[in-house]
PDB file of N, CA and C in Angstrom:
ATOM      1  N   UNK A   1     -44.239-120.865  27.521  1.00  0.00           N
ATOM      2  CA  UNK A   1     -42.974-120.033  26.840  1.00  0.00           C
ATOM      3  C   UNK A   1     -41.779-121.227  27.101  1.00  0.00           C
ATOM      4  N   UNK A   2     -40.582-121.570  26.192  1.00  0.00           N
ATOM      5  CA  UNK A   2     -39.809-122.320  26.134  1.00  0.00           C
ATOM      6  C   UNK A   2     -38.524-121.699  25.489  1.00  0.00           C
ATOM      7  N   UNK A   3     -37.254-122.247  26.021  1.00  0.00           N
ATOM      8  CA  UNK A   3     -36.167-121.652  25.395  1.00  0.00           C
ATOM      9  C   UNK A   3     -35.537-122.845  25.234  1.00  0.00           C
ATOM     10  N   UNK A   4     -34.663-123.007  24.158  1.00  0.00           N
ATOM     11  CA  UNK A   4     -34.078-124.195  23.416  1.00  0.00           C
ATOM     12  C   UNK A   4     -34.541-124.414  22.090  1.00  0.00           C
ATOM     13  N   UNK A   5     -34.621-125.626  21.420  1.00  0.00           N
ATOM     14  CA  UNK A   5     -34.751-126.109  20.378  1.00  0.00           C
ATOM     15  C   UNK A   5     -36.023-126.840  20.471  1.00  0.00           C
ATOM     16  N   UNK A   6     -36.881-126.790  19.690  1.00  0.00           N
ATOM     17  CA  UNK A   6     -38.378-127.476  19.976  1.00  0.00           C
ATOM     18  C   UNK A   6     -38.120-129.030  19.407  1.00  0.00           C
ATOM     19  N   UNK A   7     -38.693-129.952  20.191  1.00  0.00           N
ATOM     20  CA  UNK A   7     -38.927-131.207  19.731  1.00  0.00           C
ATOM     21  C   UNK A   7     -40.074-132.023  20.250  1.00  0.00           C
ATOM     22  N   UNK A   8     -40.108-132.935  19.716  1.00  0.00           N
ATOM     23  CA  UNK A   8     -41.497-134.046  20.066  1.00  0.00           C
ATOM     24  C   UNK A   8     -41.724-134.166  21.186  1.00  0.00           C
ATOM     25  N   UNK A   9     -40.589-134.544  21.884  1.00  0.00           N
ATOM     26  CA  UNK A   9     -40.626-134.490  23.511  1.00  0.00           C
ATOM     27  C   UNK A   9     -40.870-133.529  24.386  1.00  0.00           C
ATOM     28  N   UNK A  10     -40.584-132.587  24.020  1.00  0.00           N
ATOM     29  CA  UNK A  10     -40.368-131.149  24.656  1.00  0.00           C
ATOM     30  C   UNK A  10     -42.146-130.790  24.634  1.00  0.00           C
ATOM     31  N   UNK A  11     -42.573-130.769  23.303  1.00  0.00           N
ATOM     32  CA  UNK A  11     -43.840-130.555  23.253  1.00  0.00           C
ATOM     33  C   UNK A  11     -44.595-131.519  24.095  1.00  0.00           C
ATOM     34  N   UNK A  12     -44.767-132.527  24.035  1.00  0.00           N
ATOM     35  CA  UNK A  12     -45.759-133.507  24.416  1.00  0.00           C
ATOM     36  C   UNK A  12     -45.601-133.240  26.119  1.00  0.00           C
ATOM     37  N   UNK A  13     -44.180-133.150  26.811  1.00  0.00           N
ATOM     38  CA  UNK A  13     -44.069-132.677  28.362  1.00  0.00           C
ATOM     39  C   UNK A  13     -44.713-131.290  28.625  1.00  0.00           C
ATOM     40  N   UNK A  14     -44.531-130.827  27.282  1.00  0.00           N
ATOM     41  CA  UNK A  14     -44.989-129.145  27.997  1.00  0.00           C
ATOM     42  C   UNK A  14     -46.936-129.457  27.652  1.00  0.00           C
ATOM     43  N   UNK A  15     -47.483-130.275  27.007  1.00  0.00           N
ATOM     44  CA  UNK A  15     -48.876-130.072  26.941  1.00  0.00           C
ATOM     45  C   UNK A  15     -49.439-131.046  28.144  1.00  0.00           C
ATOM     46  N   UNK A  16     -48.491-131.996  28.449  1.00  0.00           N
ATOM     47  CA  UNK A  16     -48.818-132.751  30.040  1.00  0.00           C
ATOM     48  C   UNK A  16     -48.552-131.868  31.068  1.00  0.00           C
ATOM     49  N   UNK A  17     -47.571-131.374  31.292  1.00  0.00           N
ATOM     50  CA  UNK A  17     -47.161-130.488  32.499  1.00  0.00           C
ATOM     51  C   UNK A  17     -48.375-129.422  32.751  1.00  0.00           C
ATOM     52  N   UNK A  18     -48.538-128.679  31.341  1.00  0.00           N
ATOM     53  CA  UNK A  18     -49.673-127.664  31.642  1.00  0.00           C
ATOM     54  C   UNK A  18     -51.078-128.052  31.220  1.00  0.00           C
ATOM     55  N   UNK A  19     -51.123-129.138  31.467  1.00  0.00           N
ATOM     56  CA  UNK A  19     -52.754-129.907  31.171  1.00  0.00           C
ATOM     57  C   UNK A  19     -53.299-129.174  30.209  1.00  0.00           C
ATOM     58  N   UNK A  20     -53.019-129.113  29.008  1.00  0.00           N
ATOM     59  CA  UNK A  20     -53.696-128.275  28.017  1.00  0.00           C
ATOM     60  C   UNK A  20     -54.879-129.244  27.395  1.00  0.00           C
ATOM     61  N   UNK A  21     -55.867-128.454  26.991  1.00  0.00           N
ATOM     62  CA  UNK A  21     -56.984-129.322  26.328  1.00  0.00           C
ATOM     63  C   UNK A  21     -57.123-128.808  24.834  1.00  0.00           C
ATOM     64  N   UNK A  22     -57.842-129.244  24.460  1.00  0.00           N
ATOM     65  CA  UNK A  22     -58.204-129.251  23.074  1.00  0.00           C
ATOM     66  C   UNK A  22     -59.061-127.502  22.638  1.00  0.00           C
ATOM     67  N   UNK A  23     -59.040-127.089  23.887  1.00  0.00           N
ATOM     68  CA  UNK A  23     -59.707-125.434  23.753  1.00  0.00           C
ATOM     69  C   UNK A  23     -58.280-124.555  23.461  1.00  0.00           C
ATOM     70  N   UNK A  24     -57.107-125.026  23.360  1.00  0.00           N
ATOM     71  CA  UNK A  24     -55.913-124.100  22.838  1.00  0.00           C
ATOM     72  C   UNK A  24     -54.940-124.714  21.983  1.00  0.00           C
ATOM     73  N   UNK A  25     -54.371-124.025  21.002  1.00  0.00           N
ATOM     74  CA  UNK A  25     -53.505-124.728  20.067  1.00  0.00           C
ATOM     75  C   UNK A  25     -52.160-124.144  20.537  1.00  0.00           C
ATOM     76  N   UNK A  26     -51.009-124.957  19.839  1.00  0.00           N
ATOM     77  CA  UNK A  26     -49.614-124.388  20.437  1.00  0.00           C
ATOM     78  C   UNK A  26     -49.438-123.600  18.842  1.00  0.00           C
ATOM     79  N   UNK A  27     -48.651-122.756  19.119  1.00  0.00           N
ATOM     80  CA  UNK A  27     -48.422-121.892  17.636  1.00  0.00           C
ATOM     81  C   UNK A  27     -46.776-121.953  18.069  1.00  0.00           C
ATOM     82  N   UNK A  28     -45.973-122.201  16.868  1.00  0.00           N
ATOM     83  CA  UNK A  28     -44.522-122.007  16.818  1.00  0.00           C
ATOM     84  C   UNK A  28     -44.124-121.356  15.807  1.00  0.00           C
ATOM     85  N   UNK A  29     -43.005-120.521  15.760  1.00  0.00           N
ATOM     86  CA  UNK A  29     -42.321-119.789  14.928  1.00  0.00           C
ATOM     87  C   UNK A  29     -41.930-120.970  13.964  1.00  0.00           C
ATOM     88  N   UNK A  30     -41.917-120.505  12.367  1.00  0.00           N
ATOM     89  CA  UNK A  30     -41.828-121.215  11.419  1.00  0.00           C
ATOM     90  C   UNK A  30     -40.647-122.230  11.613  1.00  0.00           C
ATOM     91  N   UNK A  31     -39.613-121.661  11.824  1.00  0.00           N
ATOM     92  CA  UNK A  31     -38.507-122.536  12.302  1.00  0.00           C
ATOM     93  C   UNK A  31     -38.835-123.648  13.248  1.00  0.00           C
ATOM     94  N   UNK A  32     -39.240-123.290  14.173  1.00  0.00           N
ATOM     95  CA  UNK A  32     -39.516-124.157  14.955  1.00  0.00           C
ATOM     96  C   UNK A  32     -40.315-125.111  14.520  1.00  0.00           C
ATOM     97  N   UNK A  33     -41.600-124.888  14.107  1.00  0.00           N
ATOM     98  CA  UNK A  33     -42.476-125.861  13.572  1.00  0.00           C
ATOM     99  C   UNK A  33     -41.833-126.681  12.515  1.00  0.00           C
ATOM    100  N   UNK A  34     -41.215-126.232  11.810  1.00  0.00           N
ATOM    101  CA  UNK A  34     -40.168-127.101  10.658  1.00  0.00           C
ATOM    102  C   UNK A  34     -39.370-128.169  11.594  1.00  0.00           C
ATOM    103  N   UNK A  35     -38.767-127.655  12.593  1.00  0.00           N
ATOM    104  CA  UNK A  35     -38.081-128.973  13.646  1.00  0.00           C
ATOM    105  C   UNK A  35     -38.843-129.701  14.067  1.00  0.00           C
ATOM    106  N   UNK A  36     -39.933-129.311  14.714  1.00  0.00           N
ATOM    107  CA  UNK A  36     -41.007-130.305  15.154  1.00  0.00           C
ATOM    108  C   UNK A  36     -41.416-131.229  14.533  1.00  0.00           C
ATOM    109  N   UNK A  37     -41.852-130.590  13.263  1.00  0.00           N
ATOM    110  CA  UNK A  37     -42.387-131.608  12.113  1.00  0.00           C
ATOM    111  C   UNK A  37     -41.508-132.935  11.822  1.00  0.00           C
ATOM    112  N   UNK A  38     -40.062-132.267  11.583  1.00  0.00           N
ATOM    113  CA  UNK A  38     -38.958-133.114  11.194  1.00  0.00           C
ATOM    114  C   UNK A  38     -38.839-134.089  12.218  1.00  0.00           C
ATOM    115  N   UNK A  39     -38.674-133.795  13.286  1.00  0.00           N
ATOM    116  CA  UNK A  39     -38.539-134.755  14.606  1.00  0.00           C
ATOM    117  C   UNK A  39     -39.825-135.876  14.751  1.00  0.00           C
ATOM    118  N   UNK A  40     -40.905-135.148  14.481  1.00  0.00           N
ATOM    119  CA  UNK A  40     -42.347-136.174  14.576  1.00  0.00           C
ATOM    120  C   UNK A  40     -42.195-136.975  13.536  1.00  0.00           C
ATOM    121  N   UNK A  41     -41.749-136.769  12.401  1.00  0.00           N
ATOM    122  CA  UNK A  41     -41.930-137.353  11.286  1.00  0.00           C
ATOM    123  C   UNK A  41     -40.769-138.545  11.305  1.00  0.00           C
ATOM    124  N   UNK A  42     -39.563-138.261  11.981  1.00  0.00           N
ATOM    125  CA  UNK A  42     -38.660-139.171  12.089  1.00  0.00           C
ATOM    126  C   UNK A  42     -38.953-140.082  13.267  1.00  0.00           C
ATOM    127  N   UNK A  43     -39.729-139.957  14.225  1.00  0.00           N
ATOM    128  CA  UNK A  43     -40.458-141.049  15.331  1.00  0.00           C
ATOM    129  C   UNK A  43     -41.850-141.552  14.823  1.00  0.00           C
ATOM    130  N   UNK A  44     -42.434-141.108  13.868  1.00  0.00           N
ATOM    131  CA  UNK A  44     -43.671-141.743  13.624  1.00  0.00           C
ATOM    132  C   UNK A  44     -43.772-142.149  11.930  1.00  0.00           C
ATOM    133  N   UNK A  45     -42.883-141.708  11.311  1.00  0.00           N
ATOM    134  CA  UNK A  45     -43.002-141.798   9.968  1.00  0.00           C
ATOM    135  C   UNK A  45     -43.696-141.120   9.138  1.00  0.00           C
ATOM    136  N   UNK A  46     -44.610-140.297   9.770  1.00  0.00           N
ATOM    137  CA  UNK A  46     -45.572-139.740   8.826  1.00  0.00           C
ATOM    138  C   UNK A  46     -46.185-138.433   9.731  1.00  0.00           C
ATOM    139  N   UNK A  47     -46.571-137.671   8.822  1.00  0.00           N
ATOM    140  CA  UNK A  47     -47.579-136.420   9.464  1.00  0.00           C
ATOM    141  C   UNK A  47     -48.896-136.105   9.174  1.00  0.00           C
ATOM    142  N   UNK A  48     -49.835-136.038   9.852  1.00  0.00           N
ATOM    143  CA  UNK A  48     -51.077-135.676   9.535  1.00  0.00           C
ATOM    144  C   UNK A  48     -51.393-134.030   9.300  1.00  0.00           C
ATOM    145  N   UNK A  49     -52.299-133.782   8.837  1.00  0.00           N
ATOM    146  CA  UNK A  49     -52.920-132.383   8.708  1.00  0.00           C
ATOM    147  C   UNK A  49     -54.071-132.396   9.393  1.00  0.00           C
ATOM    148  N   UNK A  50     -54.887-131.657  10.235  1.00  0.00           N
ATOM    149  CA  UNK A  50     -54.041-130.727  11.114  1.00  0.00           C
ATOM    150  C   UNK A  50     -52.818-131.471  11.748  1.00  0.00           C
ATOM    151  N   UNK A  51     -51.664-130.875  12.024  1.00  0.00           N
ATOM    152  CA  UNK A  51     -50.560-131.398  12.835  1.00  0.00           C
ATOM    153  C   UNK A  51     -51.083-131.352  14.147  1.00  0.00           C
ATOM    154  N   UNK A  52     -51.067-132.640  14.837  1.00  0.00           N
ATOM    155  CA  UNK A  52     -51.318-132.674  16.464  1.00  0.00           C
ATOM    156  C   UNK A  52     -50.527-133.310  17.190  1.00  0.00           C
ATOM    157  N   UNK A  53     -50.608-133.051  18.788  1.00  0.00           N
ATOM    158  CA  UNK A  53     -49.903-133.953  19.538  1.00  0.00           C
ATOM    159  C   UNK A  53     -50.855-134.089  20.732  1.00  0.00           C
ATOM    160  N   UNK A  54     -51.005-135.329  20.959  1.00  0.00           N
ATOM    161  CA  UNK A  54     -51.924-135.558  22.301  1.00  0.00           C
ATOM    162  C   UNK A  54     -53.337-134.789  22.176  1.00  0.00           C
ATOM    163  N   UNK A  55     -53.772-134.763  20.866  1.00  0.00           N
ATOM    164  CA  UNK A  55     -54.842-133.912  20.692  1.00  0.00           C
ATOM    165  C   UNK A  55     -54.809-132.315  20.647  1.00  0.00           C
ATOM    166  N   UNK A  56     -53.538-131.859  20.637  1.00  0.00           N
ATOM    167  CA  UNK A  56     -53.361-130.175  20.635  1.00  0.00           C
ATOM    168  C   UNK A  56     -52.815-129.941  19.232  1.00  0.00           C
ATOM    169  N   UNK A  57     -53.735-129.029  18.522  1.00  0.00           N
ATOM    170  CA  UNK A  57     -53.195-128.829  17.393  1.00  0.00           C
ATOM    171  C   UNK A  57     -52.022-127.787  17.412  1.00  0.00           C
ATOM    172  N   UNK A  58     -51.140-127.913  16.419  1.00  0.00           N
ATOM    173  CA  UNK A  58     -49.860-127.169  16.471  1.00  0.00           C
ATOM    174  C   UNK A  58     -50.049-126.478  15.106  1.00  0.00           C
ATOM    175  N   UNK A  59     -49.797-125.185  15.124  1.00  0.00           N
ATOM    176  CA  UNK A  59     -49.928-124.126  14.169  1.00  0.00           C
ATOM    177  C   UNK A  59     -48.539-123.742  13.965  1.00  0.00           C
ATOM    178  N   UNK A  60     -48.261-123.203  12.634  1.00  0.00           N
ATOM    179  CA  UNK A  60     -47.083-122.147  12.610  1.00  0.00           C
ATOM    180  C   UNK A  60     -47.603-120.837  12.392  1.00  0.00           C
ATOM    181  N   UNK A  61     -46.812-120.176  13.131  1.00  0.00           N
ATOM    182  CA  UNK A  61     -47.154-118.873  13.224  1.00  0.00           C
ATOM    183  C   UNK A  61     -46.817-117.889  11.723  1.00  0.00           C
ATOM    184  N   UNK A  62     -47.806-117.352  11.136  1.00  0.00           N
ATOM    185  CA  UNK A  62     -47.716-116.534   9.904  1.00  0.00           C
ATOM    186  C   UNK A  62     -47.726-115.111  10.507  1.00  0.00           C
ATOM    187  N   UNK A  63     -47.859-114.730  11.440  1.00  0.00           N
ATOM    188  CA  UNK A  63     -47.808-113.106  11.888  1.00  0.00           C
ATOM    189  C   UNK A  63     -46.459-112.775  12.093  1.00  0.00           C
ATOM    190  N   UNK A  64     -45.672-113.534  12.330  1.00  0.00           N
ATOM    191  CA  UNK A  64     -44.258-113.037  12.610  1.00  0.00           C
ATOM    192  C   UNK A  64     -44.008-112.327  14.034  1.00  0.00           C
ATOM    193  N   UNK A  65     -45.112-113.014  14.840  1.00  0.00           N
ATOM    194  CA  UNK A  65     -45.065-112.094  16.446  1.00  0.00           C
ATOM    195  C   UNK A  65     -44.454-113.354  17.451  1.00  0.00           C
ATOM    196  N   UNK A  66     -44.259-114.447  17.076  1.00  0.00           N
ATOM    197  CA  UNK A  66     -43.382-115.531  17.879  1.00  0.00           C
ATOM    198  C   UNK A  66     -42.215-116.135  17.714  1.00  0.00           C
ATOM    199  N   UNK A  67     -41.500-115.652  18.646  1.00  0.00           N
ATOM    200  CA  UNK A  67     -39.908-115.863  18.514  1.00  0.00           C
ATOM    201  C   UNK A  67     -39.394-117.156  18.276  1.00  0.00           C
ATOM    202  N   UNK A  68     -38.444-117.582  17.525  1.00  0.00           N
ATOM    203  CA  UNK A  68     -37.601-118.836  17.509  1.00  0.00           C
ATOM    204  C   UNK A  68     -37.703-119.226  18.641  1.00  0.00           C
ATOM    205  N   UNK A  69     -37.876-120.765  18.898  1.00  0.00           N
ATOM    206  CA  UNK A  69     -37.646-121.546  20.000  1.00  0.00           C
ATOM    207  C   UNK A  69     -38.364-121.297  21.485  1.00  0.00           C
ATOM    208  N   UNK A  70     -39.848-120.864  21.083  1.00  0.00           N
ATOM    209  CA  UNK A  70     -40.616-120.498  22.030  1.00  0.00           C
ATOM    210  C   UNK A  70     -42.072-121.220  21.880  1.00  0.00           C
ATOM    211  N   UNK A  71     -42.599-121.424  22.828  1.00  0.00           N
ATOM    212  CA  UNK A  71     -43.705-122.312  22.938  1.00  0.00           C
ATOM    213  C   UNK A  71     -44.968-121.186  23.275  1.00  0.00           C
ATOM    214  N   UNK A  72     -45.946-120.934  22.431  1.00  0.00           N
ATOM    215  CA  UNK A  72     -46.877-120.087  22.756  1.00  0.00           C
ATOM    216  C   UNK A  72     -48.318-120.851  22.681  1.00  0.00           C
ATOM    217  N   UNK A  73     -49.177-120.590  23.593  1.00  0.00           N
ATOM    218  CA  UNK A  73     -50.745-121.109  23.222  1.00  0.00           C
ATOM    219  C   UNK A  73     -51.536-120.090  22.858  1.00  0.00           C
ATOM    220  N   UNK A  74     -52.360-120.409  22.098  1.00  0.00           N
ATOM    221  CA  UNK A  74     -53.629-119.595  21.525  1.00  0.00           C
ATOM    222  C   UNK A  74     -55.013-120.234  21.962  1.00  0.00           C
ATOM    223  N   UNK A  75     -55.842-119.647  22.378  1.00  0.00           N
ATOM    224  CA  UNK A  75     -57.130-119.940  22.681  1.00  0.00           C
ATOM    225  C   UNK A  75     -58.009-120.283  21.423  1.00  0.00           C
ATOM    226  N   UNK A  76     -58.475-121.060  20.988  1.00  0.00           N
ATOM    227  CA  UNK A  76     -59.584-121.586  19.891  1.00  0.00           C
ATOM    228  C   UNK A  76     -60.879-121.771  20.300  1.00  0.00           C
TER     229      UNK A  76
END
């Protein structure tokens, strides 16, 4: 979990600090997902689908259960 605006560097650091593997995905509120996607595009010039950072899939919450500016993980 995380408080504050979500950006590429924060997600990258979160993945590294928590030693996430491809057995989980990160799920973000739609606003946070959009903010992260825009930041990623500004740094890399493009975005691929599925959207991944360091091999971890980034998903947009469609259930309404994830709060804005929070990082949640989902076992896959």
